[in-house]
Amino acid sequence: MKIKSRSQREARRPRELDKRVNDALTDLNAYALTLDIECHRLDDRVLELAQQDSSASERRAVVQKRDEIADELSAFRQVISELQQQFPQG
């Protein structure tokens, strides 16, 4: 059995699948941007709390939430990158 090259496999891939993959990757990137915005919002909140008379536990909770989202965002971007490599657009 002959193994097909990537270009041969891609040539046979239906255009509808390409569109659905592109739409899904676009949605995933939009969600990544949402997470990124949330990280920035929490960064701003940490700065506000540092300037106010806030408790250490309140600041710690915001920093912990920001760090959790940043970790999720990093892993999510890695998954998106791997998917993009499997389904190159072109």
Protein backbone atom coordinates (compact mmCIF):
# COMPACT_ATOMS: atom_id res chain seq x y z
CA MET A 1 0.00 0.00 0.00
CA LYS A 2 1.42 3.35 -1.04
CA ILE A 3 1.45 6.11 1.57
CA LYS A 4 0.17 9.43 0.25
CA SER A 5 2.07 12.65 0.84
CA ARG A 6 0.51 15.53 2.72
CA SER A 7 -0.06 17.47 -0.51
CA GLN A 8 -1.87 14.48 -2.02
CA ARG A 9 -4.08 14.17 1.07
CA GLU A 10 -4.83 17.89 1.08
CA ALA A 11 -5.73 17.87 -2.61
CA ARG A 12 -8.41 15.29 -1.88
CA ARG A 13 -9.81 17.11 1.15
CA PRO A 14 -13.22 18.56 0.37
CA ARG A 15 -13.51 22.35 0.32
CA GLU A 16 -16.40 22.15 2.78
CA LEU A 17 -14.09 20.54 5.32
CA ASP A 18 -11.56 23.34 4.76
CA LYS A 19 -14.26 25.92 5.45
CA ARG A 20 -15.41 24.15 8.62
CA VAL A 21 -11.84 23.79 9.87
CA ASN A 22 -11.15 27.45 9.15
CA ASP A 23 -14.36 28.47 10.97
CA ALA A 24 -13.45 26.32 13.97
CA LEU A 25 -9.92 27.72 14.14
CA THR A 26 -11.33 31.23 13.91
CA ASP A 27 -13.69 30.51 16.82
CA LEU A 28 -10.84 29.06 18.87
CA ASN A 29 -8.70 32.14 18.21
CA ALA A 30 -11.61 34.38 19.22
CA TYR A 31 -11.89 32.51 22.51
CA ALA A 32 -8.13 32.87 23.04
CA LEU A 33 -8.51 36.63 22.58
CA THR A 34 -11.31 36.61 25.16
CA LEU A 35 -9.01 34.89 27.64
CA ASP A 36 -6.25 37.37 26.83
CA ILE A 37 -8.59 40.30 27.48
CA GLU A 38 -9.60 38.77 30.81
CA CYS A 39 -5.93 38.46 31.82
CA HIS A 40 -5.39 42.14 31.04
CA ARG A 41 -8.52 43.10 32.96
CA LEU A 42 -7.29 41.17 35.98
CA ASP A 43 -3.84 42.77 35.64
CA ASP A 44 -5.52 46.16 35.82
CA ARG A 45 -7.53 45.01 38.84
CA VAL A 46 -4.34 43.93 40.63
CA LEU A 47 -2.87 47.39 40.06
CA GLU A 48 -6.05 49.04 41.36
CA LEU A 49 -6.02 46.87 44.46
CA ALA A 50 -2.35 47.69 45.08
CA GLN A 51 -3.20 51.40 45.12
CA GLN A 52 -6.25 50.95 47.34
CA ASP A 53 -6.52 49.83 50.91
CA SER A 54 -7.32 46.24 49.97
CA SER A 55 -6.61 43.08 51.87
CA ALA A 56 -3.78 40.78 50.95
CA SER A 57 -6.24 37.92 50.55
CA GLU A 58 -8.28 39.91 48.03
CA ARG A 59 -5.16 40.73 45.98
CA ARG A 60 -3.98 37.13 46.23
CA ALA A 61 -7.35 35.86 44.96
CA VAL A 62 -7.22 38.14 41.91
CA VAL A 63 -3.60 37.21 41.15
CA GLN A 64 -4.44 33.52 41.50
CA LYS A 65 -7.39 33.84 39.11
CA ARG A 66 -5.23 35.76 36.62
CA ASP A 67 -2.52 33.09 36.81
CA GLU A 68 -5.07 30.31 36.25
CA ILE A 69 -6.43 32.05 33.16
CA ALA A 70 -2.91 32.76 31.87
CA ASP A 71 -2.04 29.05 32.22
CA GLU A 72 -5.25 28.08 30.44
CA LEU A 73 -4.52 30.59 27.69
CA SER A 74 -1.00 29.27 27.18
CA ALA A 75 -2.22 25.67 26.88
CA PHE A 76 -5.09 26.73 24.64
CA ARG A 77 -2.76 28.59 22.28
CA GLN A 78 -0.54 25.51 22.07
CA VAL A 79 -3.53 23.39 21.03
CA ILE A 80 -4.54 25.96 18.41
CA SER A 81 -1.01 26.00 17.03
CA GLU A 82 -0.95 22.23 16.77
CA LEU A 83 -4.32 22.20 15.01
CA GLN A 84 -3.15 24.87 12.58
CA GLN A 85 -0.14 22.71 11.71
CA GLN A 86 -2.42 19.75 10.99
CA PHE A 87 -4.72 21.81 8.78
CA PRO A 88 -2.57 24.42 7.01
CA GLN A 89 -4.58 27.05 5.22
CA GLY A 90 -3.57 28.01 1.78
